């Protein structure tokens, strides 16, 4: 993984609140846990990560953001 991408992800994670970081750890754990545990998480409506980037200017056009990231990483 490219160091620029790692740095970007680290900055995003550092900007999260403690509660958001806890939820992220839970999500990552559940995604790598057993299938049975993963299927227990089904209600996304109360998930803190839904809409968490809605106020981020760079995410107004997420497709453009992805294109820029790819261009920066892969030329």
PDB file of N, CA and C in Angstrom:
ATOM      1  N   UNK A   1       0.853  -1.176   0.000  1.00  0.00           N
ATOM      2  CA  UNK A   1       0.000   0.000   0.000  1.00  0.00           C
ATOM      3  C   UNK A   1       0.898   1.238   0.000  1.00  0.00           C
ATOM      4  N   UNK A   2       0.528   2.218  -0.752  1.00  0.00           N
ATOM      5  CA  UNK A   2       1.313   3.429  -0.911  1.00  0.00           C
ATOM      6  C   UNK A   2       1.351   4.239   0.387  1.00  0.00           C
ATOM      7  N   UNK A   3       2.480   4.847   0.671  1.00  0.00           N
ATOM      8  CA  UNK A   3       2.622   5.601   1.922  1.00  0.00           C
ATOM      9  C   UNK A   3       1.713   6.831   1.960  1.00  0.00           C
ATOM     10  N   UNK A   4       1.446   7.454   0.809  1.00  0.00           N
ATOM     11  CA  UNK A   4       0.529   8.599   0.786  1.00  0.00           C
ATOM     12  C   UNK A   4      -0.870   8.171   1.212  1.00  0.00           C
ATOM     13  N   UNK A   5      -1.294   7.027   0.715  1.00  0.00           N
ATOM     14  CA  UNK A   5      -2.606   6.514   1.070  1.00  0.00           C
ATOM     15  C   UNK A   5      -2.664   6.168   2.551  1.00  0.00           C
ATOM     16  N   UNK A   6      -1.628   5.532   3.054  1.00  0.00           N
ATOM     17  CA  UNK A   6      -1.563   5.186   4.477  1.00  0.00           C
ATOM     18  C   UNK A   6      -1.621   6.445   5.328  1.00  0.00           C
ATOM     19  N   UNK A   7      -0.866   7.478   4.929  1.00  0.00           N
ATOM     20  CA  UNK A   7      -0.876   8.740   5.671  1.00  0.00           C
ATOM     21  C   UNK A   7      -2.256   9.377   5.646  1.00  0.00           C
ATOM     22  N   UNK A   8      -2.924   9.337   4.487  1.00  0.00           N
ATOM     23  CA  UNK A   8      -4.272   9.901   4.374  1.00  0.00           C
ATOM     24  C   UNK A   8      -5.244   9.164   5.280  1.00  0.00           C
ATOM     25  N   UNK A   9      -5.175   7.845   5.268  1.00  0.00           N
ATOM     26  CA  UNK A   9      -6.050   7.055   6.127  1.00  0.00           C
ATOM     27  C   UNK A   9      -5.765   7.319   7.599  1.00  0.00           C
ATOM     28  N   UNK A  10      -4.499   7.446   7.938  1.00  0.00           N
ATOM     29  CA  UNK A  10      -4.126   7.725   9.329  1.00  0.00           C
ATOM     30  C   UNK A  10      -4.678   9.074   9.771  1.00  0.00           C
ATOM     31  N   UNK A  11      -4.622  10.076   8.904  1.00  0.00           N
ATOM     32  CA  UNK A  11      -5.160  11.398   9.243  1.00  0.00           C
ATOM     33  C   UNK A  11      -6.670  11.334   9.449  1.00  0.00           C
ATOM     34  N   UNK A  12      -7.351  10.586   8.587  1.00  0.00           N
ATOM     35  CA  UNK A  12      -8.803  10.454   8.720  1.00  0.00           C
ATOM     36  C   UNK A  12      -9.141   9.771  10.035  1.00  0.00           C
ATOM     37  N   UNK A  13      -8.437   8.693  10.337  1.00  0.00           N
ATOM     38  CA  UNK A  13      -8.709   7.966  11.577  1.00  0.00           C
ATOM     39  C   UNK A  13      -8.413   8.831  12.790  1.00  0.00           C
ATOM     40  N   UNK A  14      -7.334   9.593  12.743  1.00  0.00           N
ATOM     41  CA  UNK A  14      -6.990  10.462  13.866  1.00  0.00           C
ATOM     42  C   UNK A  14      -8.035  11.544  14.084  1.00  0.00           C
ATOM     43  N   UNK A  15      -8.734  11.940  13.015  1.00  0.00           N
ATOM     44  CA  UNK A  15      -9.731  12.998  13.144  1.00  0.00           C
ATOM     45  C   UNK A  15     -11.062  12.495  13.717  1.00  0.00           C
ATOM     46  N   UNK A  16     -11.202  11.180  13.843  1.00  0.00           N
ATOM     47  CA  UNK A  16     -12.442  10.614  14.374  1.00  0.00           C
ATOM     48  C   UNK A  16     -12.541  10.829  15.880  1.00  0.00           C
ATOM     49  N   UNK A  17     -13.763  10.924  16.358  1.00  0.00           N
ATOM     50  CA  UNK A  17     -13.984  11.008  17.799  1.00  0.00           C
ATOM     51  C   UNK A  17     -13.696   9.637  18.416  1.00  0.00           C
ATOM     52  N   UNK A  18     -13.580   9.591  19.733  1.00  0.00           N
ATOM     53  CA  UNK A  18     -13.325   8.328  20.426  1.00  0.00           C
ATOM     54  C   UNK A  18     -14.443   7.325  20.133  1.00  0.00           C
ATOM     55  N   UNK A  19     -15.678   7.811  20.125  1.00  0.00           N
ATOM     56  CA  UNK A  19     -16.816   6.929  19.855  1.00  0.00           C
ATOM     57  C   UNK A  19     -16.754   6.364  18.434  1.00  0.00           C
ATOM     58  N   UNK A  20     -16.376   7.202  17.468  1.00  0.00           N
ATOM     59  CA  UNK A  20     -16.259   6.745  16.082  1.00  0.00           C
ATOM     60  C   UNK A  20     -15.120   5.733  15.939  1.00  0.00           C
ATOM     61  N   UNK A  21     -14.015   5.968  16.638  1.00  0.00           N
ATOM     62  CA  UNK A  21     -12.892   5.027  16.600  1.00  0.00           C
ATOM     63  C   UNK A  21     -13.302   3.676  17.185  1.00  0.00           C
ATOM     64  N   UNK A  22     -14.070   3.710  18.263  1.00  0.00           N
ATOM     65  CA  UNK A  22     -14.550   2.476  18.878  1.00  0.00           C
ATOM     66  C   UNK A  22     -15.449   1.715  17.906  1.00  0.00           C
ATOM     67  N   UNK A  23     -16.343   2.442  17.236  1.00  0.00           N
ATOM     68  CA  UNK A  23     -17.222   1.810  16.252  1.00  0.00           C
ATOM     69  C   UNK A  23     -16.417   1.221  15.095  1.00  0.00           C
ATOM     70  N   UNK A  24     -15.377   1.924  14.666  1.00  0.00           N
ATOM     71  CA  UNK A  24     -14.531   1.426  13.582  1.00  0.00           C
ATOM     72  C   UNK A  24     -13.850   0.134  13.991  1.00  0.00           C
ATOM     73  N   UNK A  25     -13.312   0.090  15.208  1.00  0.00           N
ATOM     74  CA  UNK A  25     -12.680  -1.130  15.698  1.00  0.00           C
ATOM     75  C   UNK A  25     -13.676  -2.273  15.743  1.00  0.00           C
ATOM     76  N   UNK A  26     -14.897  -1.982  16.168  1.00  0.00           N
ATOM     77  CA  UNK A  26     -15.941  -3.004  16.219  1.00  0.00           C
ATOM     78  C   UNK A  26     -16.255  -3.510  14.824  1.00  0.00           C
ATOM     79  N   UNK A  27     -16.406  -2.598  13.872  1.00  0.00           N
ATOM     80  CA  UNK A  27     -16.706  -2.985  12.484  1.00  0.00           C
ATOM     81  C   UNK A  27     -15.590  -3.853  11.904  1.00  0.00           C
ATOM     82  N   UNK A  28     -14.354  -3.434  12.110  1.00  0.00           N
ATOM     83  CA  UNK A  28     -13.225  -4.204  11.576  1.00  0.00           C
ATOM     84  C   UNK A  28     -13.207  -5.585  12.203  1.00  0.00           C
ATOM     85  N   UNK A  29     -13.399  -5.651  13.519  1.00  0.00           N
ATOM     86  CA  UNK A  29     -13.413  -6.939  14.203  1.00  0.00           C
ATOM     87  C   UNK A  29     -14.522  -7.818  13.660  1.00  0.00           C
ATOM     88  N   UNK A  30     -15.720  -7.262  13.506  1.00  0.00           N
ATOM     89  CA  UNK A  30     -16.841  -8.060  13.021  1.00  0.00           C
ATOM     90  C   UNK A  30     -16.621  -8.525  11.594  1.00  0.00           C
ATOM     91  N   UNK A  31     -15.961  -7.720  10.786  1.00  0.00           N
ATOM     92  CA  UNK A  31     -15.712  -8.111   9.398  1.00  0.00           C
ATOM     93  C   UNK A  31     -14.715  -9.248   9.292  1.00  0.00           C
ATOM     94  N   UNK A  32     -13.816  -9.377  10.265  1.00  0.00           N
ATOM     95  CA  UNK A  32     -12.835 -10.457  10.195  1.00  0.00           C
ATOM     96  C   UNK A  32     -13.201 -11.618  11.110  1.00  0.00           C
ATOM     97  N   UNK A  33     -14.297 -11.483  11.836  1.00  0.00           N
ATOM     98  CA  UNK A  33     -14.752 -12.554  12.719  1.00  0.00           C
ATOM     99  C   UNK A  33     -15.534 -13.597  11.933  1.00  0.00           C
ATOM    100  N   UNK A  34     -16.081 -14.537  12.645  1.00  0.00           N
ATOM    101  CA  UNK A  34     -16.832 -15.610  12.011  1.00  0.00           C
ATOM    102  C   UNK A  34     -18.058 -15.088  11.285  1.00  0.00           C
ATOM    103  N   UNK A  35     -18.527 -15.847  10.333  1.00  0.00           N
ATOM    104  CA  UNK A  35     -19.717 -15.476   9.556  1.00  0.00           C
ATOM    105  C   UNK A  35     -20.913 -15.278  10.478  1.00  0.00           C
ATOM    106  N   UNK A  36     -21.048 -16.113  11.482  1.00  0.00           N
ATOM    107  CA  UNK A  36     -22.180 -16.014  12.408  1.00  0.00           C
ATOM    108  C   UNK A  36     -22.174 -14.673  13.138  1.00  0.00           C
ATOM    109  N   UNK A  37     -21.011 -14.246  13.620  1.00  0.00           N
ATOM    110  CA  UNK A  37     -20.905 -12.970  14.326  1.00  0.00           C
ATOM    111  C   UNK A  37     -21.203 -11.820  13.377  1.00  0.00           C
ATOM    112  N   UNK A  38     -20.693 -11.905  12.167  1.00  0.00           N
ATOM    113  CA  UNK A  38     -20.882 -10.827  11.195  1.00  0.00           C
ATOM    114  C   UNK A  38     -22.358 -10.635  10.856  1.00  0.00           C
ATOM    115  N   UNK A  39     -23.103 -11.688  10.741  1.00  0.00           N
ATOM    116  CA  UNK A  39     -24.498 -11.564  10.357  1.00  0.00           C
ATOM    117  C   UNK A  39     -25.361 -10.980  11.473  1.00  0.00           C
ATOM    118  N   UNK A  40     -24.838 -10.908  12.692  1.00  0.00           N
ATOM    119  CA  UNK A  40     -25.599 -10.328  13.787  1.00  0.00           C
ATOM    120  C   UNK A  40     -25.739  -8.814  13.644  1.00  0.00           C
ATOM    121  N   UNK A  41     -24.838  -8.171  12.922  1.00  0.00           N
ATOM    122  CA  UNK A  41     -24.894  -6.728  12.728  1.00  0.00           C
ATOM    123  C   UNK A  41     -25.675  -6.473  11.445  1.00  0.00           C
ATOM    124  N   UNK A  42     -26.939  -6.119  11.584  1.00  0.00           N
ATOM    125  CA  UNK A  42     -27.776  -5.940  10.404  1.00  0.00           C
ATOM    126  C   UNK A  42     -28.416  -4.560  10.325  1.00  0.00           C
ATOM    127  N   UNK A  43     -28.577  -3.860  11.424  1.00  0.00           N
ATOM    128  CA  UNK A  43     -29.246  -2.564  11.403  1.00  0.00           C
ATOM    129  C   UNK A  43     -28.222  -1.448  11.255  1.00  0.00           C
ATOM    130  N   UNK A  44     -28.137  -0.895  10.056  1.00  0.00           N
ATOM    131  CA  UNK A  44     -27.174   0.161   9.761  1.00  0.00           C
ATOM    132  C   UNK A  44     -27.737   1.546  10.046  1.00  0.00           C
ATOM    133  N   UNK A  45     -29.017   1.661  10.328  1.00  0.00           N
ATOM    134  CA  UNK A  45     -29.623   2.979  10.474  1.00  0.00           C
ATOM    135  C   UNK A  45     -29.082   3.751  11.674  1.00  0.00           C
ATOM    136  N   UNK A  46     -28.641   3.062  12.705  1.00  0.00           N
ATOM    137  CA  UNK A  46     -28.104   3.737  13.887  1.00  0.00           C
ATOM    138  C   UNK A  46     -26.580   3.759  13.907  1.00  0.00           C
ATOM    139  N   UNK A  47     -25.970   3.288  12.848  1.00  0.00           N
ATOM    140  CA  UNK A  47     -24.521   3.217  12.787  1.00  0.00           C
ATOM    141  C   UNK A  47     -23.926   4.611  12.656  1.00  0.00           C
ATOM    142  N   UNK A  48     -22.935   4.932  13.483  1.00  0.00           N
ATOM    143  CA  UNK A  48     -22.305   6.252  13.458  1.00  0.00           C
ATOM    144  C   UNK A  48     -21.573   6.539  12.163  1.00  0.00           C
ATOM    145  N   UNK A  49     -21.202   5.505  11.419  1.00  0.00           N
ATOM    146  CA  UNK A  49     -20.441   5.717  10.197  1.00  0.00           C
ATOM    147  C   UNK A  49     -21.318   6.110   9.017  1.00  0.00           C
ATOM    148  N   UNK A  50     -22.612   5.899   9.117  1.00  0.00           N
ATOM    149  CA  UNK A  50     -23.507   6.313   8.048  1.00  0.00           C
ATOM    150  C   UNK A  50     -23.577   7.835   8.052  1.00  0.00           C
ATOM    151  N   UNK A  51     -23.110   8.434   6.980  1.00  0.00           N
ATOM    152  CA  UNK A  51     -23.131   9.889   6.863  1.00  0.00           C
ATOM    153  C   UNK A  51     -22.014  10.616   7.582  1.00  0.00           C
ATOM    154  N   UNK A  52     -21.014   9.890   8.073  1.00  0.00           N
ATOM    155  CA  UNK A  52     -19.974  10.551   8.860  1.00  0.00           C
ATOM    156  C   UNK A  52     -19.127  11.523   8.045  1.00  0.00           C
ATOM    157  N   UNK A  53     -19.105  11.380   6.709  1.00  0.00           N
ATOM    158  CA  UNK A  53     -18.316  12.278   5.873  1.00  0.00           C
ATOM    159  C   UNK A  53     -19.191  13.282   5.148  1.00  0.00           C
ATOM    160  N   UNK A  54     -20.452  13.400   5.512  1.00  0.00           N
ATOM    161  CA  UNK A  54     -21.377  14.256   4.778  1.00  0.00           C
ATOM    162  C   UNK A  54     -20.948  15.721   4.783  1.00  0.00           C
ATOM    163  N   UNK A  55     -20.232  16.164   5.793  1.00  0.00           N
ATOM    164  CA  UNK A  55     -19.816  17.561   5.882  1.00  0.00           C
ATOM    165  C   UNK A  55     -18.399  17.803   5.375  1.00  0.00           C
ATOM    166  N   UNK A  56     -17.750  16.769   4.875  1.00  0.00           N
ATOM    167  CA  UNK A  56     -16.382  16.918   4.378  1.00  0.00           C
ATOM    168  C   UNK A  56     -16.429  17.438   2.941  1.00  0.00           C
ATOM    169  N   UNK A  57     -15.780  18.560   2.715  1.00  0.00           N
ATOM    170  CA  UNK A  57     -15.808  19.213   1.403  1.00  0.00           C
ATOM    171  C   UNK A  57     -15.276  18.299   0.313  1.00  0.00           C
ATOM    172  N   UNK A  58     -14.224  17.567   0.592  1.00  0.00           N
ATOM    173  CA  UNK A  58     -13.628  16.709  -0.432  1.00  0.00           C
ATOM    174  C   UNK A  58     -14.524  15.537  -0.816  1.00  0.00           C
ATOM    175  N   UNK A  59     -15.567  15.278  -0.044  1.00  0.00           N
ATOM    176  CA  UNK A  59     -16.479  14.174  -0.330  1.00  0.00           C
ATOM    177  C   UNK A  59     -17.760  14.618  -1.028  1.00  0.00           C
ATOM    178  N   UNK A  60     -17.841  15.893  -1.406  1.00  0.00           N
ATOM    179  CA  UNK A  60     -19.033  16.362  -2.117  1.00  0.00           C
ATOM    180  C   UNK A  60     -19.230  15.584  -3.410  1.00  0.00           C
ATOM    181  N   UNK A  61     -18.130  15.273  -4.074  1.00  0.00           N
ATOM    182  CA  UNK A  61     -18.181  14.429  -5.272  1.00  0.00           C
ATOM    183  C   UNK A  61     -17.209  13.280  -5.020  1.00  0.00           C
ATOM    184  N   UNK A  62     -17.718  12.204  -4.449  1.00  0.00           N
ATOM    185  CA  UNK A  62     -16.841  11.096  -4.045  1.00  0.00           C
ATOM    186  C   UNK A  62     -16.177  10.429  -5.246  1.00  0.00           C
ATOM    187  N   UNK A  63     -16.842  10.399  -6.384  1.00  0.00           N
ATOM    188  CA  UNK A  63     -16.240   9.800  -7.583  1.00  0.00           C
ATOM    189  C   UNK A  63     -15.018  10.601  -8.020  1.00  0.00           C
ATOM    190  N   UNK A  64     -15.130  11.914  -7.973  1.00  0.00           N
ATOM    191  CA  UNK A  64     -13.994  12.765  -8.326  1.00  0.00           C
ATOM    192  C   UNK A  64     -12.859  12.552  -7.323  1.00  0.00           C
ATOM    193  N   UNK A  65     -13.187  12.443  -6.035  1.00  0.00           N
ATOM    194  CA  UNK A  65     -12.169  12.226  -5.014  1.00  0.00           C
ATOM    195  C   UNK A  65     -11.405  10.930  -5.284  1.00  0.00           C
ATOM    196  N   UNK A  66     -12.153   9.873  -5.637  1.00  0.00           N
ATOM    197  CA  UNK A  66     -11.515   8.587  -5.934  1.00  0.00           C
ATOM    198  C   UNK A  66     -10.611   8.722  -7.154  1.00  0.00           C
ATOM    199  N   UNK A  67     -11.088   9.409  -8.209  1.00  0.00           N
ATOM    200  CA  UNK A  67     -10.261   9.600  -9.409  1.00  0.00           C
ATOM    201  C   UNK A  67      -8.960  10.321  -9.065  1.00  0.00           C
ATOM    202  N   UNK A  68      -9.047  11.373  -8.262  1.00  0.00           N
ATOM    203  CA  UNK A  68      -7.858  12.130  -7.877  1.00  0.00           C
ATOM    204  C   UNK A  68      -6.904  11.255  -7.078  1.00  0.00           C
ATOM    205  N   UNK A  69      -7.441  10.487  -6.132  1.00  0.00           N
ATOM    206  CA  UNK A  69      -6.594   9.597  -5.330  1.00  0.00           C
ATOM    207  C   UNK A  69      -5.878   8.582  -6.209  1.00  0.00           C
ATOM    208  N   UNK A  70      -6.604   8.018  -7.153  1.00  0.00           N
ATOM    209  CA  UNK A  70      -5.995   7.037  -8.062  1.00  0.00           C
ATOM    210  C   UNK A  70      -4.915   7.677  -8.922  1.00  0.00           C
ATOM    211  N   UNK A  71      -5.181   8.879  -9.425  1.00  0.00           N
ATOM    212  CA  UNK A  71      -4.172   9.571 -10.236  1.00  0.00           C
ATOM    213  C   UNK A  71      -2.919   9.855  -9.430  1.00  0.00           C
ATOM    214  N   UNK A  72      -3.095  10.294  -8.188  1.00  0.00           N
ATOM    215  CA  UNK A  72      -1.950  10.583  -7.324  1.00  0.00           C
ATOM    216  C   UNK A  72      -1.158   9.327  -6.999  1.00  0.00           C
ATOM    217  N   UNK A  73      -1.862   8.231  -6.788  1.00  0.00           N
ATOM    218  CA  UNK A  73      -1.203   6.987  -6.376  1.00  0.00           C
ATOM    219  C   UNK A  73      -0.595   6.224  -7.560  1.00  0.00           C
ATOM    220  N   UNK A  74      -1.305   6.216  -8.686  1.00  0.00           N
ATOM    221  CA  UNK A  74      -0.891   5.370  -9.794  1.00  0.00           C
ATOM    222  C   UNK A  74      -0.479   6.141 -11.043  1.00  0.00           C
ATOM    223  N   UNK A  75      -0.544   7.466 -10.967  1.00  0.00           N
ATOM    224  CA  UNK A  75      -0.104   8.292 -12.088  1.00  0.00           C
ATOM    225  C   UNK A  75      -0.991   8.295 -13.203  1.00  0.00           C
TER     226      UNK A  75
END
